[in-house]
């Protein structure tokens, strides 16, 4: 299993809407995330900065990366684009984080 973490940014006036939309995550998007190998996926908000910290556990990096090319993912990005920093194609601007420590049981 691989652990991934990255940061994104949501605009302050949309914190509640961002959370609401994720609470109502489309079933097709949930299925796509799982089909692309995610076992666990969490997003945390730092309210003072608008920074989102995302953490997920996956099976395969290539399988996970393929999610970005699916129609449902592109639709989700377009739906979320007004709420956060994105590239021209609506993909969220995200910065991968380097793991520097891990403790497990």
PDB file of N, CA and C in Angstrom:
ATOM      1  N   UNK A   1       0.832  -1.169   0.000  1.00  0.00           N
ATOM      2  CA  UNK A   1       0.000   0.000   0.000  1.00  0.00           C
ATOM      3  C   UNK A   1       0.886   1.246   0.000  1.00  0.00           C
ATOM      4  N   UNK A   2       0.473   2.230  -0.763  1.00  0.00           N
ATOM      5  CA  UNK A   2       1.190   3.505  -0.845  1.00  0.00           C
ATOM      6  C   UNK A   2       0.374   4.588  -0.142  1.00  0.00           C
ATOM      7  N   UNK A   3       1.081   5.454   0.561  1.00  0.00           N
ATOM      8  CA  UNK A   3       0.443   6.605   1.203  1.00  0.00           C
ATOM      9  C   UNK A   3       0.805   7.847   0.416  1.00  0.00           C
ATOM     10  N   UNK A   4      -0.201   8.662   0.092  1.00  0.00           N
ATOM     11  CA  UNK A   4       0.022   9.904  -0.639  1.00  0.00           C
ATOM     12  C   UNK A   4      -0.571  11.050   0.167  1.00  0.00           C
ATOM     13  N   UNK A   5       0.082  12.199   0.073  1.00  0.00           N
ATOM     14  CA  UNK A   5      -0.435  13.404   0.703  1.00  0.00           C
ATOM     15  C   UNK A   5      -0.148  14.582  -0.213  1.00  0.00           C
ATOM     16  N   UNK A   6      -1.071  15.522  -0.241  1.00  0.00           N
ATOM     17  CA  UNK A   6      -0.879  16.717  -1.054  1.00  0.00           C
ATOM     18  C   UNK A   6      -1.710  17.853  -0.473  1.00  0.00           C
ATOM     19  N   UNK A   7      -1.373  19.058  -0.894  1.00  0.00           N
ATOM     20  CA  UNK A   7      -2.110  20.239  -0.447  1.00  0.00           C
ATOM     21  C   UNK A   7      -2.744  20.929  -1.640  1.00  0.00           C
ATOM     22  N   UNK A   8      -3.896  21.534  -1.384  1.00  0.00           N
ATOM     23  CA  UNK A   8      -4.638  22.329  -2.352  1.00  0.00           C
ATOM     24  C   UNK A   8      -5.123  23.570  -1.600  1.00  0.00           C
ATOM     25  N   UNK A   9      -5.810  24.468  -2.292  1.00  0.00           N
ATOM     26  CA  UNK A   9      -6.317  25.673  -1.648  1.00  0.00           C
ATOM     27  C   UNK A   9      -7.765  25.919  -2.034  1.00  0.00           C
ATOM     28  N   UNK A  10      -8.595  26.153  -1.029  1.00  0.00           N
ATOM     29  CA  UNK A  10      -9.994  26.530  -1.234  1.00  0.00           C
ATOM     30  C   UNK A  10     -10.133  28.003  -0.837  1.00  0.00           C
ATOM     31  N   UNK A  11     -10.970  28.732  -1.567  1.00  0.00           N
ATOM     32  CA  UNK A  11     -11.180  30.142  -1.261  1.00  0.00           C
ATOM     33  C   UNK A  11     -11.998  30.277   0.019  1.00  0.00           C
ATOM     34  N   UNK A  12     -11.620  31.220   0.903  1.00  0.00           N
ATOM     35  CA  UNK A  12     -12.265  31.337   2.227  1.00  0.00           C
ATOM     36  C   UNK A  12     -13.786  31.451   2.200  1.00  0.00           C
ATOM     37  N   UNK A  13     -14.329  32.152   1.235  1.00  0.00           N
ATOM     38  CA  UNK A  13     -15.788  32.326   1.194  1.00  0.00           C
ATOM     39  C   UNK A  13     -16.518  31.039   0.810  1.00  0.00           C
ATOM     40  N   UNK A  14     -15.769  29.996   0.427  1.00  0.00           N
ATOM     41  CA  UNK A  14     -16.385  28.747  -0.006  1.00  0.00           C
ATOM     42  C   UNK A  14     -16.095  27.555   0.902  1.00  0.00           C
ATOM     43  N   UNK A  15     -15.559  27.787   2.090  1.00  0.00           N
ATOM     44  CA  UNK A  15     -15.265  26.673   3.000  1.00  0.00           C
ATOM     45  C   UNK A  15     -16.483  25.781   3.207  1.00  0.00           C
ATOM     46  N   UNK A  16     -17.609  26.393   3.551  1.00  0.00           N
ATOM     47  CA  UNK A  16     -18.819  25.604   3.832  1.00  0.00           C
ATOM     48  C   UNK A  16     -19.316  24.882   2.590  1.00  0.00           C
ATOM     49  N   UNK A  17     -19.288  25.554   1.457  1.00  0.00           N
ATOM     50  CA  UNK A  17     -19.746  24.923   0.218  1.00  0.00           C
ATOM     51  C   UNK A  17     -18.835  23.765  -0.178  1.00  0.00           C
ATOM     52  N   UNK A  18     -17.533  23.931   0.003  1.00  0.00           N
ATOM     53  CA  UNK A  18     -16.587  22.861  -0.296  1.00  0.00           C
ATOM     54  C   UNK A  18     -16.915  21.632   0.551  1.00  0.00           C
ATOM     55  N   UNK A  19     -17.119  21.840   1.830  1.00  0.00           N
ATOM     56  CA  UNK A  19     -17.442  20.735   2.720  1.00  0.00           C
ATOM     57  C   UNK A  19     -18.782  20.101   2.347  1.00  0.00           C
ATOM     58  N   UNK A  20     -19.764  20.925   2.032  1.00  0.00           N
ATOM     59  CA  UNK A  20     -21.097  20.427   1.650  1.00  0.00           C
ATOM     60  C   UNK A  20     -21.007  19.541   0.410  1.00  0.00           C
ATOM     61  N   UNK A  21     -20.288  20.008  -0.588  1.00  0.00           N
ATOM     62  CA  UNK A  21     -20.185  19.229  -1.832  1.00  0.00           C
ATOM     63  C   UNK A  21     -19.485  17.893  -1.600  1.00  0.00           C
ATOM     64  N   UNK A  22     -18.514  17.856  -0.720  1.00  0.00           N
ATOM     65  CA  UNK A  22     -17.855  16.587  -0.428  1.00  0.00           C
ATOM     66  C   UNK A  22     -18.736  15.675   0.424  1.00  0.00           C
ATOM     67  N   UNK A  23     -19.560  16.262   1.276  1.00  0.00           N
ATOM     68  CA  UNK A  23     -20.512  15.457   2.052  1.00  0.00           C
ATOM     69  C   UNK A  23     -21.535  14.790   1.132  1.00  0.00           C
ATOM     70  N   UNK A  24     -21.746  15.403  -0.026  1.00  0.00           N
ATOM     71  CA  UNK A  24     -22.701  14.894  -1.008  1.00  0.00           C
ATOM     72  C   UNK A  24     -21.981  14.353  -2.251  1.00  0.00           C
ATOM     73  N   UNK A  25     -20.757  13.849  -2.060  1.00  0.00           N
ATOM     74  CA  UNK A  25     -19.952  13.359  -3.174  1.00  0.00           C
ATOM     75  C   UNK A  25     -20.774  12.402  -4.040  1.00  0.00           C
ATOM     76  N   UNK A  26     -20.781  12.666  -5.328  1.00  0.00           N
ATOM     77  CA  UNK A  26     -21.548  11.844  -6.267  1.00  0.00           C
ATOM     78  C   UNK A  26     -21.133  10.384  -6.137  1.00  0.00           C
ATOM     79  N   UNK A  27     -22.122   9.501  -6.192  1.00  0.00           N
ATOM     80  CA  UNK A  27     -21.818   8.075  -6.075  1.00  0.00           C
ATOM     81  C   UNK A  27     -20.890   7.613  -7.197  1.00  0.00           C
ATOM     82  N   UNK A  28     -21.054   8.150  -8.398  1.00  0.00           N
ATOM     83  CA  UNK A  28     -20.177   7.767  -9.513  1.00  0.00           C
ATOM     84  C   UNK A  28     -18.730   8.185  -9.241  1.00  0.00           C
ATOM     85  N   UNK A  29     -18.547   9.310  -8.569  1.00  0.00           N
ATOM     86  CA  UNK A  29     -17.192   9.750  -8.237  1.00  0.00           C
ATOM     87  C   UNK A  29     -16.621   8.871  -7.132  1.00  0.00           C
ATOM     88  N   UNK A  30     -17.443   8.521  -6.154  1.00  0.00           N
ATOM     89  CA  UNK A  30     -16.995   7.606  -5.097  1.00  0.00           C
ATOM     90  C   UNK A  30     -16.538   6.282  -5.704  1.00  0.00           C
ATOM     91  N   UNK A  31     -17.336   5.760  -6.624  1.00  0.00           N
ATOM     92  CA  UNK A  31     -17.002   4.488  -7.264  1.00  0.00           C
ATOM     93  C   UNK A  31     -15.714   4.602  -8.063  1.00  0.00           C
ATOM     94  N   UNK A  32     -15.531   5.720  -8.759  1.00  0.00           N
ATOM     95  CA  UNK A  32     -14.316   5.915  -9.559  1.00  0.00           C
ATOM     96  C   UNK A  32     -13.077   5.985  -8.666  1.00  0.00           C
ATOM     97  N   UNK A  33     -13.192   6.671  -7.541  1.00  0.00           N
ATOM     98  CA  UNK A  33     -12.067   6.762  -6.606  1.00  0.00           C
ATOM     99  C   UNK A  33     -11.681   5.367  -6.121  1.00  0.00           C
ATOM    100  N   UNK A  34     -12.666   4.585  -5.738  1.00  0.00           N
ATOM    101  CA  UNK A  34     -12.401   3.222  -5.262  1.00  0.00           C
ATOM    102  C   UNK A  34     -11.867   2.333  -6.383  1.00  0.00           C
ATOM    103  N   UNK A  35     -12.442   2.480  -7.587  1.00  0.00           N
ATOM    104  CA  UNK A  35     -12.007   1.668  -8.722  1.00  0.00           C
ATOM    105  C   UNK A  35     -10.567   1.984  -9.120  1.00  0.00           C
ATOM    106  N   UNK A  36     -10.097   3.155  -8.754  1.00  0.00           N
ATOM    107  CA  UNK A  36      -8.721   3.538  -9.074  1.00  0.00           C
ATOM    108  C   UNK A  36      -7.779   3.315  -7.880  1.00  0.00           C
ATOM    109  N   UNK A  37      -8.221   2.444  -6.961  1.00  0.00           N
ATOM    110  CA  UNK A  37      -7.331   1.903  -5.953  1.00  0.00           C
ATOM    111  C   UNK A  37      -7.257   2.612  -4.625  1.00  0.00           C
ATOM    112  N   UNK A  38      -8.109   3.595  -4.371  1.00  0.00           N
ATOM    113  CA  UNK A  38      -8.059   4.286  -3.079  1.00  0.00           C
ATOM    114  C   UNK A  38      -8.786   3.469  -2.022  1.00  0.00           C
ATOM    115  N   UNK A  39      -8.108   3.219  -0.918  1.00  0.00           N
ATOM    116  CA  UNK A  39      -8.709   2.512   0.213  1.00  0.00           C
ATOM    117  C   UNK A  39      -9.259   3.493   1.231  1.00  0.00           C
ATOM    118  N   UNK A  40      -8.567   4.575   1.388  1.00  0.00           N
ATOM    119  CA  UNK A  40      -8.917   5.578   2.378  1.00  0.00           C
ATOM    120  C   UNK A  40      -8.529   6.933   1.795  1.00  0.00           C
ATOM    121  N   UNK A  41      -9.405   7.925   1.946  1.00  0.00           N
ATOM    122  CA  UNK A  41      -9.136   9.244   1.383  1.00  0.00           C
ATOM    123  C   UNK A  41      -9.737  10.266   2.328  1.00  0.00           C
ATOM    124  N   UNK A  42      -8.912  11.160   2.844  1.00  0.00           N
ATOM    125  CA  UNK A  42      -9.367  12.206   3.760  1.00  0.00           C
ATOM    126  C   UNK A  42      -8.842  13.551   3.291  1.00  0.00           C
ATOM    127  N   UNK A  43      -9.639  14.597   3.525  1.00  0.00           N
ATOM    128  CA  UNK A  43      -9.214  15.966   3.249  1.00  0.00           C
ATOM    129  C   UNK A  43      -9.481  16.783   4.500  1.00  0.00           C
ATOM    130  N   UNK A  44      -8.481  17.559   4.904  1.00  0.00           N
ATOM    131  CA  UNK A  44      -8.576  18.402   6.092  1.00  0.00           C
ATOM    132  C   UNK A  44      -8.394  19.857   5.679  1.00  0.00           C
ATOM    133  N   UNK A  45      -9.095  20.759   6.362  1.00  0.00           N
ATOM    134  CA  UNK A  45      -9.013  22.191   6.081  1.00  0.00           C
ATOM    135  C   UNK A  45      -8.264  22.924   7.186  1.00  0.00           C
ATOM    136  N   UNK A  46      -7.339  23.791   6.780  1.00  0.00           N
ATOM    137  CA  UNK A  46      -6.700  24.723   7.709  1.00  0.00           C
ATOM    138  C   UNK A  46      -7.438  26.053   7.526  1.00  0.00           C
ATOM    139  N   UNK A  47      -8.388  26.375   8.402  1.00  0.00           N
ATOM    140  CA  UNK A  47      -9.266  27.525   8.168  1.00  0.00           C
ATOM    141  C   UNK A  47      -8.568  28.880   8.112  1.00  0.00           C
ATOM    142  N   UNK A  48      -7.434  29.013   8.751  1.00  0.00           N
ATOM    143  CA  UNK A  48      -6.744  30.312   8.735  1.00  0.00           C
ATOM    144  C   UNK A  48      -6.102  30.606   7.378  1.00  0.00           C
ATOM    145  N   UNK A  49      -5.807  29.554   6.607  1.00  0.00           N
ATOM    146  CA  UNK A  49      -5.093  29.742   5.340  1.00  0.00           C
ATOM    147  C   UNK A  49      -5.872  29.293   4.114  1.00  0.00           C
ATOM    148  N   UNK A  50      -6.914  28.484   4.290  1.00  0.00           N
ATOM    149  CA  UNK A  50      -7.627  27.914   3.157  1.00  0.00           C
ATOM    150  C   UNK A  50      -6.912  26.713   2.574  1.00  0.00           C
ATOM    151  N   UNK A  51      -5.847  26.299   3.203  1.00  0.00           N
ATOM    152  CA  UNK A  51      -5.101  25.155   2.706  1.00  0.00           C
ATOM    153  C   UNK A  51      -5.837  23.862   3.041  1.00  0.00           C
ATOM    154  N   UNK A  52      -5.923  23.000   2.054  1.00  0.00           N
ATOM    155  CA  UNK A  52      -6.510  21.680   2.210  1.00  0.00           C
ATOM    156  C   UNK A  52      -5.370  20.669   2.226  1.00  0.00           C
ATOM    157  N   UNK A  53      -5.384  19.786   3.197  1.00  0.00           N
ATOM    158  CA  UNK A  53      -4.407  18.707   3.281  1.00  0.00           C
ATOM    159  C   UNK A  53      -5.153  17.421   2.943  1.00  0.00           C
ATOM    160  N   UNK A  54      -4.729  16.751   1.901  1.00  0.00           N
ATOM    161  CA  UNK A  54      -5.366  15.510   1.475  1.00  0.00           C
ATOM    162  C   UNK A  54      -4.422  14.341   1.736  1.00  0.00           C
ATOM    163  N   UNK A  55      -4.991  13.256   2.220  1.00  0.00           N
ATOM    164  CA  UNK A  55      -4.232  12.042   2.501  1.00  0.00           C
ATOM    165  C   UNK A  55      -5.016  10.862   1.951  1.00  0.00           C
ATOM    166  N   UNK A  56      -4.328   9.987   1.222  1.00  0.00           N
ATOM    167  CA  UNK A  56      -4.996   8.788   0.746  1.00  0.00           C
ATOM    168  C   UNK A  56      -4.043   7.613   0.722  1.00  0.00           C
ATOM    169  N   UNK A  57      -4.630   6.445   0.746  1.00  0.00           N
ATOM    170  CA  UNK A  57      -3.897   5.189   0.657  1.00  0.00           C
ATOM    171  C   UNK A  57      -4.352   4.492  -0.608  1.00  0.00           C
ATOM    172  N   UNK A  58      -3.380   4.111  -1.434  1.00  0.00           N
ATOM    173  CA  UNK A  58      -3.682   3.510  -2.734  1.00  0.00           C
ATOM    174  C   UNK A  58      -2.875   2.232  -2.937  1.00  0.00           C
ATOM    175  N   UNK A  59      -3.279   1.495  -3.952  1.00  0.00           N
ATOM    176  CA  UNK A  59      -2.554   0.279  -4.329  1.00  0.00           C
ATOM    177  C   UNK A  59      -1.447   0.557  -5.322  1.00  0.00           C
ATOM    178  N   UNK A  60      -1.739   1.412  -6.297  1.00  0.00           N
ATOM    179  CA  UNK A  60      -0.864   1.552  -7.453  1.00  0.00           C
ATOM    180  C   UNK A  60      -0.888   3.000  -7.939  1.00  0.00           C
ATOM    181  N   UNK A  61       0.265   3.591  -8.077  1.00  0.00           N
ATOM    182  CA  UNK A  61       0.373   4.995  -8.487  1.00  0.00           C
ATOM    183  C   UNK A  61      -0.195   5.224  -9.890  1.00  0.00           C
ATOM    184  N   UNK A  62       0.106   4.355 -10.836  1.00  0.00           N
ATOM    185  CA  UNK A  62      -0.388   4.514 -12.206  1.00  0.00           C
ATOM    186  C   UNK A  62      -1.915   4.398 -12.268  1.00  0.00           C
ATOM    187  N   UNK A  63      -2.464   3.444 -11.540  1.00  0.00           N
ATOM    188  CA  UNK A  63      -3.915   3.283 -11.505  1.00  0.00           C
ATOM    189  C   UNK A  63      -4.563   4.536 -10.932  1.00  0.00           C
ATOM    190  N   UNK A  64      -4.004   5.066  -9.844  1.00  0.00           N
ATOM    191  CA  UNK A  64      -4.543   6.284  -9.238  1.00  0.00           C
ATOM    192  C   UNK A  64      -4.453   7.461 -10.212  1.00  0.00           C
ATOM    193  N   UNK A  65      -3.315   7.612 -10.864  1.00  0.00           N
ATOM    194  CA  UNK A  65      -3.125   8.716 -11.803  1.00  0.00           C
ATOM    195  C   UNK A  65      -4.118   8.660 -12.963  1.00  0.00           C
ATOM    196  N   UNK A  66      -4.549   7.457 -13.343  1.00  0.00           N
ATOM    197  CA  UNK A  66      -5.498   7.294 -14.449  1.00  0.00           C
ATOM    198  C   UNK A  66      -6.870   7.889 -14.127  1.00  0.00           C
ATOM    199  N   UNK A  67      -7.182   8.066 -12.857  1.00  0.00           N
ATOM    200  CA  UNK A  67      -8.463   8.671 -12.471  1.00  0.00           C
ATOM    201  C   UNK A  67      -8.632  10.039 -13.123  1.00  0.00           C
ATOM    202  N   UNK A  68      -7.555  10.796 -13.239  1.00  0.00           N
ATOM    203  CA  UNK A  68      -7.619  12.147 -13.790  1.00  0.00           C
ATOM    204  C   UNK A  68      -8.118  12.193 -15.230  1.00  0.00           C
ATOM    205  N   UNK A  69      -7.997  11.100 -15.948  1.00  0.00           N
ATOM    206  CA  UNK A  69      -8.427  11.080 -17.350  1.00  0.00           C
ATOM    207  C   UNK A  69      -9.865  10.595 -17.538  1.00  0.00           C
ATOM    208  N   UNK A  70     -10.560  10.302 -16.442  1.00  0.00           N
ATOM    209  CA  UNK A  70     -11.939   9.829 -16.564  1.00  0.00           C
ATOM    210  C   UNK A  70     -12.907  11.002 -16.706  1.00  0.00           C
ATOM    211  N   UNK A  71     -13.998  10.750 -17.370  1.00  0.00           N
ATOM    212  CA  UNK A  71     -15.024  11.781 -17.571  1.00  0.00           C
ATOM    213  C   UNK A  71     -15.617  12.246 -16.241  1.00  0.00           C
ATOM    214  N   UNK A  72     -15.871  11.327 -15.322  1.00  0.00           N
ATOM    215  CA  UNK A  72     -16.472  11.704 -14.041  1.00  0.00           C
ATOM    216  C   UNK A  72     -15.537  12.605 -13.245  1.00  0.00           C
ATOM    217  N   UNK A  73     -14.259  12.339 -13.307  1.00  0.00           N
ATOM    218  CA  UNK A  73     -13.298  13.182 -12.597  1.00  0.00           C
ATOM    219  C   UNK A  73     -13.267  14.583 -13.206  1.00  0.00           C
ATOM    220  N   UNK A  74     -13.267  14.654 -14.526  1.00  0.00           N
ATOM    221  CA  UNK A  74     -13.272  15.968 -15.184  1.00  0.00           C
ATOM    222  C   UNK A  74     -14.542  16.740 -14.854  1.00  0.00           C
ATOM    223  N   UNK A  75     -15.672  16.045 -14.740  1.00  0.00           N
ATOM    224  CA  UNK A  75     -16.932  16.701 -14.350  1.00  0.00           C
ATOM    225  C   UNK A  75     -16.848  17.208 -12.911  1.00  0.00           C
ATOM    226  N   UNK A  76     -16.262  16.404 -12.033  1.00  0.00           N
ATOM    227  CA  UNK A  76     -16.101  16.814 -10.635  1.00  0.00           C
ATOM    228  C   UNK A  76     -15.205  18.045 -10.533  1.00  0.00           C
ATOM    229  N   UNK A  77     -14.109  18.024 -11.271  1.00  0.00           N
ATOM    230  CA  UNK A  77     -13.214  19.185 -11.265  1.00  0.00           C
ATOM    231  C   UNK A  77     -13.951  20.446 -11.704  1.00  0.00           C
ATOM    232  N   UNK A  78     -14.750  20.344 -12.756  1.00  0.00           N
ATOM    233  CA  UNK A  78     -15.494  21.510 -13.248  1.00  0.00           C
ATOM    234  C   UNK A  78     -16.482  21.998 -12.193  1.00  0.00           C
ATOM    235  N   UNK A  79     -17.104  21.072 -11.501  1.00  0.00           N
ATOM    236  CA  UNK A  79     -18.063  21.393 -10.442  1.00  0.00           C
ATOM    237  C   UNK A  79     -17.380  22.110  -9.279  1.00  0.00           C
ATOM    238  N   UNK A  80     -16.171  21.696  -8.964  1.00  0.00           N
ATOM    239  CA  UNK A  80     -15.452  22.263  -7.822  1.00  0.00           C
ATOM    240  C   UNK A  80     -14.607  23.488  -8.179  1.00  0.00           C
ATOM    241  N   UNK A  81     -14.320  23.717  -9.432  1.00  0.00           N
ATOM    242  CA  UNK A  81     -13.405  24.774  -9.863  1.00  0.00           C
ATOM    243  C   UNK A  81     -13.738  26.169  -9.326  1.00  0.00           C
ATOM    244  N   UNK A  82     -14.997  26.578  -9.240  1.00  0.00           N
ATOM    245  CA  UNK A  82     -15.263  27.926  -8.733  1.00  0.00           C
ATOM    246  C   UNK A  82     -14.871  28.123  -7.267  1.00  0.00           C
ATOM    247  N   UNK A  83     -14.672  27.036  -6.533  1.00  0.00           N
ATOM    248  CA  UNK A  83     -14.429  27.105  -5.100  1.00  0.00           C
ATOM    249  C   UNK A  83     -12.957  27.124  -4.717  1.00  0.00           C
ATOM    250  N   UNK A  84     -12.080  26.843  -5.674  1.00  0.00           N
ATOM    251  CA  UNK A  84     -10.688  26.616  -5.293  1.00  0.00           C
ATOM    252  C   UNK A  84      -9.717  27.003  -6.402  1.00  0.00           C
ATOM    253  N   UNK A  85      -8.439  27.016  -6.061  1.00  0.00           N
ATOM    254  CA  UNK A  85      -7.403  27.289  -7.063  1.00  0.00           C
ATOM    255  C   UNK A  85      -7.307  26.093  -8.007  1.00  0.00           C
ATOM    256  N   UNK A  86      -7.373  26.384  -9.311  1.00  0.00           N
ATOM    257  CA  UNK A  86      -7.309  25.332 -10.328  1.00  0.00           C
ATOM    258  C   UNK A  86      -6.434  25.792 -11.496  1.00  0.00           C
ATOM    259  N   UNK A  87      -6.062  24.816 -12.308  1.00  0.00           N
ATOM    260  CA  UNK A  87      -5.411  25.093 -13.578  1.00  0.00           C
ATOM    261  C   UNK A  87      -6.499  25.391 -14.608  1.00  0.00           C
ATOM    262  N   UNK A  88      -6.095  25.747 -15.816  1.00  0.00           N
ATOM    263  CA  UNK A  88      -7.041  26.091 -16.885  1.00  0.00           C
ATOM    264  C   UNK A  88      -7.997  24.937 -17.206  1.00  0.00           C
ATOM    265  N   UNK A  89      -7.573  23.698 -17.001  1.00  0.00           N
ATOM    266  CA  UNK A  89      -8.427  22.536 -17.290  1.00  0.00           C
ATOM    267  C   UNK A  89      -9.310  22.143 -16.099  1.00  0.00           C
ATOM    268  N   UNK A  90      -9.367  23.013 -15.087  1.00  0.00           N
ATOM    269  CA  UNK A  90     -10.158  22.814 -13.853  1.00  0.00           C
ATOM    270  C   UNK A  90      -9.531  21.856 -12.855  1.00  0.00           C
ATOM    271  N   UNK A  91      -8.420  21.237 -13.191  1.00  0.00           N
ATOM    272  CA  UNK A  91      -7.739  20.374 -12.229  1.00  0.00           C
ATOM    273  C   UNK A  91      -7.283  21.224 -11.046  1.00  0.00           C
ATOM    274  N   UNK A  92      -7.545  20.778  -9.823  1.00  0.00           N
ATOM    275  CA  UNK A  92      -7.075  21.550  -8.674  1.00  0.00           C
ATOM    276  C   UNK A  92      -5.556  21.691  -8.679  1.00  0.00           C
ATOM    277  N   UNK A  93      -5.098  22.877  -8.339  1.00  0.00           N
ATOM    278  CA  UNK A  93      -3.670  23.063  -8.130  1.00  0.00           C
ATOM    279  C   UNK A  93      -3.322  22.278  -6.871  1.00  0.00           C
ATOM    280  N   UNK A  94      -2.430  21.332  -7.001  1.00  0.00           N
ATOM    281  CA  UNK A  94      -2.049  20.525  -5.840  1.00  0.00           C
ATOM    282  C   UNK A  94      -0.545  20.324  -5.830  1.00  0.00           C
ATOM    283  N   UNK A  95      -0.022  20.246  -4.634  1.00  0.00           N
ATOM    284  CA  UNK A  95       1.412  20.041  -4.436  1.00  0.00           C
ATOM    285  C   UNK A  95       1.587  18.764  -3.642  1.00  0.00           C
ATOM    286  N   UNK A  96       2.273  17.801  -4.245  1.00  0.00           N
ATOM    287  CA  UNK A  96       2.547  16.553  -3.543  1.00  0.00           C
ATOM    288  C   UNK A  96       3.486  16.826  -2.374  1.00  0.00           C
ATOM    289  N   UNK A  97       3.247  16.140  -1.285  1.00  0.00           N
ATOM    290  CA  UNK A  97       4.089  16.263  -0.105  1.00  0.00           C
ATOM    291  C   UNK A  97       4.978  15.037   0.031  1.00  0.00           C
ATOM    292  N   UNK A  98       6.159  15.250   0.518  1.00  0.00           N
ATOM    293  CA  UNK A  98       7.120  14.172   0.744  1.00  0.00           C
ATOM    294  C   UNK A  98       6.937  13.640   2.160  1.00  0.00           C
ATOM    295  N   UNK A  99       6.767  12.349   2.266  1.00  0.00           N
ATOM    296  CA  UNK A  99       6.673  11.747   3.595  1.00  0.00           C
ATOM    297  C   UNK A  99       8.030  11.798   4.276  1.00  0.00           C
ATOM    298  N   UNK A 100       8.057  12.285   5.499  1.00  0.00           N
ATOM    299  CA  UNK A 100       9.312  12.349   6.242  1.00  0.00           C
ATOM    300  C   UNK A 100       9.262  11.517   7.527  1.00  0.00           C
ATOM    301  N   UNK A 101       8.062  11.028   7.877  1.00  0.00           N
ATOM    302  CA  UNK A 101       7.934  10.194   9.069  1.00  0.00           C
ATOM    303  C   UNK A 101       6.634   9.409   8.983  1.00  0.00           C
ATOM    304  N   UNK A 102       6.693   8.171   9.460  1.00  0.00           N
ATOM    305  CA  UNK A 102       5.496   7.336   9.557  1.00  0.00           C
ATOM    306  C   UNK A 102       5.678   6.370  10.716  1.00  0.00           C
ATOM    307  N   UNK A 103       4.674   6.264  11.537  1.00  0.00           N
ATOM    308  CA  UNK A 103       4.666   5.309  12.646  1.00  0.00           C
ATOM    309  C   UNK A 103       3.428   4.454  12.505  1.00  0.00           C
ATOM    310  N   UNK A 104       3.602   3.168  12.490  1.00  0.00           N
ATOM    311  CA  UNK A 104       2.452   2.270  12.439  1.00  0.00           C
ATOM    312  C   UNK A 104       2.542   1.282  13.599  1.00  0.00           C
ATOM    313  N   UNK A 105       1.491   0.551  13.755  1.00  0.00           N
ATOM    314  CA  UNK A 105       1.428  -0.394  14.888  1.00  0.00           C
ATOM    315  C   UNK A 105       2.490  -1.418  14.834  1.00  0.00           C
TER     316      UNK A 105
END
